[in-house]
PDB file of N, CA and C in Angstrom:
ATOM      1  N   UNK A   1     125.426  32.841  93.552  1.00  0.00           N
ATOM      2  CA  UNK A   1     126.078  33.061  92.142  1.00  0.00           C
ATOM      3  C   UNK A   1     125.728  33.691  91.528  1.00  0.00           C
ATOM      4  N   UNK A   2     125.220  34.699  91.042  1.00  0.00           N
ATOM      5  CA  UNK A   2     124.758  35.212  89.545  1.00  0.00           C
ATOM      6  C   UNK A   2     125.594  35.682  89.088  1.00  0.00           C
ATOM      7  N   UNK A   3     124.574  35.711  87.786  1.00  0.00           N
ATOM      8  CA  UNK A   3     125.431  36.272  86.447  1.00  0.00           C
ATOM      9  C   UNK A   3     124.202  36.683  85.544  1.00  0.00           C
ATOM     10  N   UNK A   4     125.060  38.142  84.991  1.00  0.00           N
ATOM     11  CA  UNK A   4     124.242  38.208  84.187  1.00  0.00           C
ATOM     12  C   UNK A   4     123.933  37.808  83.266  1.00  0.00           C
ATOM     13  N   UNK A   5     122.896  38.220  82.439  1.00  0.00           N
ATOM     14  CA  UNK A   5     122.881  38.068  81.366  1.00  0.00           C
ATOM     15  C   UNK A   5     122.063  39.356  79.751  1.00  0.00           C
ATOM     16  N   UNK A   6     122.301  39.116  78.808  1.00  0.00           N
ATOM     17  CA  UNK A   6     121.606  39.954  77.785  1.00  0.00           C
ATOM     18  C   UNK A   6     120.392  40.190  77.328  1.00  0.00           C
ATOM     19  N   UNK A   7     119.254  41.057  77.658  1.00  0.00           N
ATOM     20  CA  UNK A   7     118.168  41.288  77.289  1.00  0.00           C
ATOM     21  C   UNK A   7     117.762  40.878  76.152  1.00  0.00           C
ATOM     22  N   UNK A   8     116.944  39.399  76.279  1.00  0.00           N
ATOM     23  CA  UNK A   8     117.140  39.779  74.291  1.00  0.00           C
ATOM     24  C   UNK A   8     115.640  40.736  74.058  1.00  0.00           C
ATOM     25  N   UNK A   9     115.000  41.639  74.256  1.00  0.00           N
ATOM     26  CA  UNK A   9     114.573  42.422  73.618  1.00  0.00           C
ATOM     27  C   UNK A   9     115.045  43.328  74.051  1.00  0.00           C
ATOM     28  N   UNK A  10     116.450  44.161  74.388  1.00  0.00           N
ATOM     29  CA  UNK A  10     116.587  44.985  74.457  1.00  0.00           C
ATOM     30  C   UNK A  10     118.544  45.254  73.610  1.00  0.00           C
ATOM     31  N   UNK A  11     118.946  43.769  73.895  1.00  0.00           N
ATOM     32  CA  UNK A  11     120.680  43.840  73.609  1.00  0.00           C
ATOM     33  C   UNK A  11     121.305  44.431  74.468  1.00  0.00           C
ATOM     34  N   UNK A  12     120.746  44.768  75.244  1.00  0.00           N
ATOM     35  CA  UNK A  12     121.389  45.269  77.248  1.00  0.00           C
ATOM     36  C   UNK A  12     121.887  44.014  77.821  1.00  0.00           C
ATOM     37  N   UNK A  13     123.412  43.979  78.249  1.00  0.00           N
ATOM     38  CA  UNK A  13     123.658  43.481  79.602  1.00  0.00           C
ATOM     39  C   UNK A  13     122.672  44.297  80.791  1.00  0.00           C
ATOM     40  N   UNK A  14     121.521  42.961  81.383  1.00  0.00           N
ATOM     41  CA  UNK A  14     120.819  43.459  82.439  1.00  0.00           C
ATOM     42  C   UNK A  14     121.688  43.005  83.430  1.00  0.00           C
ATOM     43  N   UNK A  15     121.895  44.893  84.348  1.00  0.00           N
ATOM     44  CA  UNK A  15     122.728  44.459  85.971  1.00  0.00           C
ATOM     45  C   UNK A  15     123.029  43.704  86.641  1.00  0.00           C
ATOM     46  N   UNK A  16     123.361  42.779  87.601  1.00  0.00           N
ATOM     47  CA  UNK A  16     123.419  41.864  88.408  1.00  0.00           C
ATOM     48  C   UNK A  16     123.484  42.552  90.057  1.00  0.00           C
ATOM     49  N   UNK A  17     123.461  42.127  91.062  1.00  0.00           N
ATOM     50  CA  UNK A  17     121.637  41.046  90.986  1.00  0.00           C
ATOM     51  C   UNK A  17     120.486  42.076  90.410  1.00  0.00           C
ATOM     52  N   UNK A  18     119.493  41.137  90.123  1.00  0.00           N
ATOM     53  CA  UNK A  18     117.751  41.970  89.128  1.00  0.00           C
ATOM     54  C   UNK A  18     116.930  41.441  90.102  1.00  0.00           C
ATOM     55  N   UNK A  19     115.670  41.645  89.981  1.00  0.00           N
ATOM     56  CA  UNK A  19     115.090  40.654  90.868  1.00  0.00           C
ATOM     57  C   UNK A  19     113.187  41.167  89.802  1.00  0.00           C
ATOM     58  N   UNK A  20     112.200  40.019  89.065  1.00  0.00           N
ATOM     59  CA  UNK A  20     111.866  40.199  88.918  1.00  0.00           C
ATOM     60  C   UNK A  20     110.414  39.953  89.991  1.00  0.00           C
ATOM     61  N   UNK A  21     109.558  40.379  88.910  1.00  0.00           N
ATOM     62  CA  UNK A  21     107.815  40.259  89.430  1.00  0.00           C
ATOM     63  C   UNK A  21     107.196  40.239  89.461  1.00  0.00           C
ATOM     64  N   UNK A  22     105.338  39.702  89.179  1.00  0.00           N
ATOM     65  CA  UNK A  22     104.469  39.043  88.428  1.00  0.00           C
ATOM     66  C   UNK A  22     103.896  40.493  88.943  1.00  0.00           C
ATOM     67  N   UNK A  23     103.467  41.765  88.042  1.00  0.00           N
ATOM     68  CA  UNK A  23     102.864  43.239  88.343  1.00  0.00           C
ATOM     69  C   UNK A  23     101.142  42.856  87.715  1.00  0.00           C
ATOM     70  N   UNK A  24     100.586  42.877  88.765  1.00  0.00           N
ATOM     71  CA  UNK A  24      99.333  43.378  88.722  1.00  0.00           C
ATOM     72  C   UNK A  24      98.636  44.441  88.768  1.00  0.00           C
ATOM     73  N   UNK A  25      98.275  45.920  87.399  1.00  0.00           N
ATOM     74  CA  UNK A  25      98.084  46.787  87.412  1.00  0.00           C
ATOM     75  C   UNK A  25      96.617  46.956  88.157  1.00  0.00           C
ATOM     76  N   UNK A  26      96.329  48.439  88.813  1.00  0.00           N
ATOM     77  CA  UNK A  26      94.653  48.497  89.820  1.00  0.00           C
ATOM     78  C   UNK A  26      93.431  48.693  88.510  1.00  0.00           C
ATOM     79  N   UNK A  27      92.730  47.248  88.353  1.00  0.00           N
ATOM     80  CA  UNK A  27      91.850  47.422  88.242  1.00  0.00           C
ATOM     81  C   UNK A  27      92.117  46.531  86.908  1.00  0.00           C
ATOM     82  N   UNK A  28      93.012  45.798  86.294  1.00  0.00           N
ATOM     83  CA  UNK A  28      93.709  44.705  85.172  1.00  0.00           C
ATOM     84  C   UNK A  28      93.210  43.007  86.692  1.00  0.00           C
ATOM     85  N   UNK A  29      93.172  42.590  85.075  1.00  0.00           N
ATOM     86  CA  UNK A  29      92.515  40.328  85.989  1.00  0.00           C
ATOM     87  C   UNK A  29      93.770  40.034  85.919  1.00  0.00           C
ATOM     88  N   UNK A  30      94.436  40.669  85.395  1.00  0.00           N
ATOM     89  CA  UNK A  30      95.342  39.587  85.019  1.00  0.00           C
ATOM     90  C   UNK A  30      96.774  40.770  85.124  1.00  0.00           C
ATOM     91  N   UNK A  31      98.253  39.754  84.677  1.00  0.00           N
ATOM     92  CA  UNK A  31      99.810  39.894  85.519  1.00  0.00           C
ATOM     93  C   UNK A  31     100.259  39.794  84.521  1.00  0.00           C
ATOM     94  N   UNK A  32     101.628  40.824  84.157  1.00  0.00           N
ATOM     95  CA  UNK A  32     102.392  40.445  83.884  1.00  0.00           C
ATOM     96  C   UNK A  32     104.063  41.037  84.151  1.00  0.00           C
ATOM     97  N   UNK A  33     104.995  39.959  83.728  1.00  0.00           N
ATOM     98  CA  UNK A  33     106.475  39.404  84.957  1.00  0.00           C
ATOM     99  C   UNK A  33     107.179  41.049  83.984  1.00  0.00           C
ATOM    100  N   UNK A  34     107.501  41.685  85.023  1.00  0.00           N
ATOM    101  CA  UNK A  34     108.242  42.486  84.819  1.00  0.00           C
ATOM    102  C   UNK A  34     110.035  42.830  85.774  1.00  0.00           C
ATOM    103  N   UNK A  35     110.894  43.555  85.990  1.00  0.00           N
ATOM    104  CA  UNK A  35     111.438  44.171  86.784  1.00  0.00           C
ATOM    105  C   UNK A  35     111.256  45.053  87.744  1.00  0.00           C
ATOM    106  N   UNK A  36     112.378  44.658  88.721  1.00  0.00           N
ATOM    107  CA  UNK A  36     112.400  45.640  90.335  1.00  0.00           C
ATOM    108  C   UNK A  36     113.614  45.880  90.063  1.00  0.00           C
ATOM    109  N   UNK A  37     113.400  47.107  91.055  1.00  0.00           N
ATOM    110  CA  UNK A  37     114.635  47.696  90.784  1.00  0.00           C
ATOM    111  C   UNK A  37     114.958  47.512  92.748  1.00  0.00           C
ATOM    112  N   UNK A  38     114.331  46.926  93.449  1.00  0.00           N
ATOM    113  CA  UNK A  38     115.313  46.613  94.596  1.00  0.00           C
ATOM    114  C   UNK A  38     115.688  45.403  94.387  1.00  0.00           C
ATOM    115  N   UNK A  39     116.320  44.711  94.924  1.00  0.00           N
ATOM    116  CA  UNK A  39     116.987  43.694  94.942  1.00  0.00           C
ATOM    117  C   UNK A  39     117.496  42.764  96.458  1.00  0.00           C
ATOM    118  N   UNK A  40     116.885  43.759  97.341  1.00  0.00           N
ATOM    119  CA  UNK A  40     116.631  43.067  98.632  1.00  0.00           C
ATOM    120  C   UNK A  40     115.069  41.956  98.837  1.00  0.00           C
ATOM    121  N   UNK A  41     115.004  40.421  98.881  1.00  0.00           N
ATOM    122  CA  UNK A  41     114.298  39.898  98.488  1.00  0.00           C
ATOM    123  C   UNK A  41     113.519  39.979  99.945  1.00  0.00           C
ATOM    124  N   UNK A  42     114.624  40.525 101.293  1.00  0.00           N
ATOM    125  CA  UNK A  42     113.841  40.977 102.449  1.00  0.00           C
ATOM    126  C   UNK A  42     113.076  42.444 102.966  1.00  0.00           C
ATOM    127  N   UNK A  43     112.811  42.775 101.210  1.00  0.00           N
ATOM    128  CA  UNK A  43     112.200  44.265 101.237  1.00  0.00           C
ATOM    129  C   UNK A  43     110.475  44.070 100.299  1.00  0.00           C
ATOM    130  N   UNK A  44     110.630  42.598  99.832  1.00  0.00           N
ATOM    131  CA  UNK A  44     109.660  42.375  99.219  1.00  0.00           C
ATOM    132  C   UNK A  44     108.618  41.694  99.758  1.00  0.00           C
ATOM    133  N   UNK A  45     107.009  41.850  99.647  1.00  0.00           N
ATOM    134  CA  UNK A  45     106.461  40.641 100.244  1.00  0.00           C
ATOM    135  C   UNK A  45     104.872  41.088  98.504  1.00  0.00           C
ATOM    136  N   UNK A  46     104.457  39.464  98.920  1.00  0.00           N
ATOM    137  CA  UNK A  46     103.360  40.225  97.836  1.00  0.00           C
ATOM    138  C   UNK A  46     101.820  41.023  97.985  1.00  0.00           C
ATOM    139  N   UNK A  47     102.192  42.061  97.044  1.00  0.00           N
ATOM    140  CA  UNK A  47     100.525  42.546  97.098  1.00  0.00           C
ATOM    141  C   UNK A  47     101.612  44.034  97.558  1.00  0.00           C
ATOM    142  N   UNK A  48     102.825  43.924  97.140  1.00  0.00           N
ATOM    143  CA  UNK A  48     103.030  45.349  97.580  1.00  0.00           C
ATOM    144  C   UNK A  48     102.699  46.054  96.521  1.00  0.00           C
ATOM    145  N   UNK A  49     103.289  47.262  96.938  1.00  0.00           N
ATOM    146  CA  UNK A  49     102.711  48.540  95.156  1.00  0.00           C
ATOM    147  C   UNK A  49     104.091  49.115  95.005  1.00  0.00           C
ATOM    148  N   UNK A  50     103.892  48.914  93.539  1.00  0.00           N
ATOM    149  CA  UNK A  50     105.021  49.610  93.137  1.00  0.00           C
ATOM    150  C   UNK A  50     104.198  50.047  91.435  1.00  0.00           C
ATOM    151  N   UNK A  51     105.359  50.896  91.335  1.00  0.00           N
ATOM    152  CA  UNK A  51     105.267  52.284  90.428  1.00  0.00           C
ATOM    153  C   UNK A  51     106.052  52.337  89.169  1.00  0.00           C
ATOM    154  N   UNK A  52     105.981  52.924  88.256  1.00  0.00           N
ATOM    155  CA  UNK A  52     106.625  52.069  86.298  1.00  0.00           C
ATOM    156  C   UNK A  52     107.456  54.084  86.571  1.00  0.00           C
ATOM    157  N   UNK A  53     109.165  53.375  86.751  1.00  0.00           N
ATOM    158  CA  UNK A  53     109.691  54.459  86.247  1.00  0.00           C
ATOM    159  C   UNK A  53     109.949  54.187  84.737  1.00  0.00           C
ATOM    160  N   UNK A  54     110.047  55.103  84.074  1.00  0.00           N
ATOM    161  CA  UNK A  54     110.042  54.990  81.974  1.00  0.00           C
ATOM    162  C   UNK A  54     111.628  54.789  81.823  1.00  0.00           C
ATOM    163  N   UNK A  55     111.491  54.525  80.781  1.00  0.00           N
ATOM    164  CA  UNK A  55     112.812  55.164  79.823  1.00  0.00           C
ATOM    165  C   UNK A  55     112.676  56.431  79.260  1.00  0.00           C
ATOM    166  N   UNK A  56     114.000  57.359  78.780  1.00  0.00           N
ATOM    167  CA  UNK A  56     113.924  58.979  78.666  1.00  0.00           C
ATOM    168  C   UNK A  56     112.856  58.710  77.427  1.00  0.00           C
ATOM    169  N   UNK A  57     113.191  58.247  76.676  1.00  0.00           N
ATOM    170  CA  UNK A  57     113.086  57.561  75.511  1.00  0.00           C
ATOM    171  C   UNK A  57     112.484  56.730  75.155  1.00  0.00           C
ATOM    172  N   UNK A  58     111.052  56.690  74.579  1.00  0.00           N
ATOM    173  CA  UNK A  58     109.508  56.341  74.623  1.00  0.00           C
ATOM    174  C   UNK A  58     109.726  55.834  73.155  1.00  0.00           C
ATOM    175  N   UNK A  59     109.025  54.488  73.313  1.00  0.00           N
ATOM    176  CA  UNK A  59     108.662  53.896  71.718  1.00  0.00           C
ATOM    177  C   UNK A  59     107.611  53.528  72.071  1.00  0.00           C
ATOM    178  N   UNK A  60     106.674  53.502  72.886  1.00  0.00           N
ATOM    179  CA  UNK A  60     104.885  53.004  72.941  1.00  0.00           C
ATOM    180  C   UNK A  60     104.998  51.192  73.031  1.00  0.00           C
ATOM    181  N   UNK A  61     106.072  50.947  73.933  1.00  0.00           N
ATOM    182  CA  UNK A  61     106.328  49.549  73.982  1.00  0.00           C
ATOM    183  C   UNK A  61     106.367  49.041  75.587  1.00  0.00           C
ATOM    184  N   UNK A  62     105.906  48.155  75.822  1.00  0.00           N
ATOM    185  CA  UNK A  62     105.774  47.380  77.247  1.00  0.00           C
ATOM    186  C   UNK A  62     107.810  48.096  77.898  1.00  0.00           C
ATOM    187  N   UNK A  63     108.472  48.327  76.926  1.00  0.00           N
ATOM    188  CA  UNK A  63     109.863  48.527  77.065  1.00  0.00           C
ATOM    189  C   UNK A  63     110.347  49.512  77.726  1.00  0.00           C
ATOM    190  N   UNK A  64     108.966  50.875  77.308  1.00  0.00           N
ATOM    191  CA  UNK A  64     109.844  52.073  77.930  1.00  0.00           C
ATOM    192  C   UNK A  64     109.402  52.245  78.952  1.00  0.00           C
ATOM    193  N   UNK A  65     108.668  50.756  79.935  1.00  0.00           N
ATOM    194  CA  UNK A  65     109.191  50.762  82.037  1.00  0.00           C
ATOM    195  C   UNK A  65     110.046  50.012  81.753  1.00  0.00           C
ATOM    196  N   UNK A  66     111.081  50.857  82.615  1.00  0.00           N
ATOM    197  CA  UNK A  66     112.917  50.707  82.498  1.00  0.00           C
ATOM    198  C   UNK A  66     112.731  49.328  83.650  1.00  0.00           C
ATOM    199  N   UNK A  67     111.484  49.485  85.148  1.00  0.00           N
ATOM    200  CA  UNK A  67     111.755  48.833  86.074  1.00  0.00           C
ATOM    201  C   UNK A  67     110.423  49.887  87.047  1.00  0.00           C
ATOM    202  N   UNK A  68     110.793  48.915  87.656  1.00  0.00           N
ATOM    203  CA  UNK A  68     109.477  49.135  88.804  1.00  0.00           C
ATOM    204  C   UNK A  68     109.865  49.374  89.905  1.00  0.00           C
ATOM    205  N   UNK A  69     110.051  50.187  90.834  1.00  0.00           N
ATOM    206  CA  UNK A  69     110.049  50.922  91.796  1.00  0.00           C
ATOM    207  C   UNK A  69     109.219  50.521  93.274  1.00  0.00           C
ATOM    208  N   UNK A  70     109.540  49.899  94.284  1.00  0.00           N
ATOM    209  CA  UNK A  70     108.267  49.725  95.149  1.00  0.00           C
ATOM    210  C   UNK A  70     107.833  50.786  96.379  1.00  0.00           C
ATOM    211  N   UNK A  71     106.656  51.427  96.500  1.00  0.00           N
ATOM    212  CA  UNK A  71     106.424  52.501  97.211  1.00  0.00           C
ATOM    213  C   UNK A  71     105.339  52.072  98.536  1.00  0.00           C
ATOM    214  N   UNK A  72     105.673  52.720  99.004  1.00  0.00           N
ATOM    215  CA  UNK A  72     104.832  53.128 100.665  1.00  0.00           C
ATOM    216  C   UNK A  72     103.771  53.039 100.580  1.00  0.00           C
ATOM    217  N   UNK A  73     102.339  52.200 101.208  1.00  0.00           N
ATOM    218  CA  UNK A  73     101.246  52.202 101.003  1.00  0.00           C
ATOM    219  C   UNK A  73     100.763  50.831 101.095  1.00  0.00           C
TER     220      UNK A  73
END
């Protein structure tokens, strides 16, 4: 069973289901948690490449990234 939640950073309800992952940008030594568009766990794997999908209106904040989408590679 899945339950939605209100994102405390945006005040908006997150769609269910949702997935998040620890993202490591190319050249970075650390990771940060963020949402993924893909919600099927069978289509995800460690080390998979992803691409940021940005909000239409940006504020210069990490939350300008709506989610990451998986890419081939």
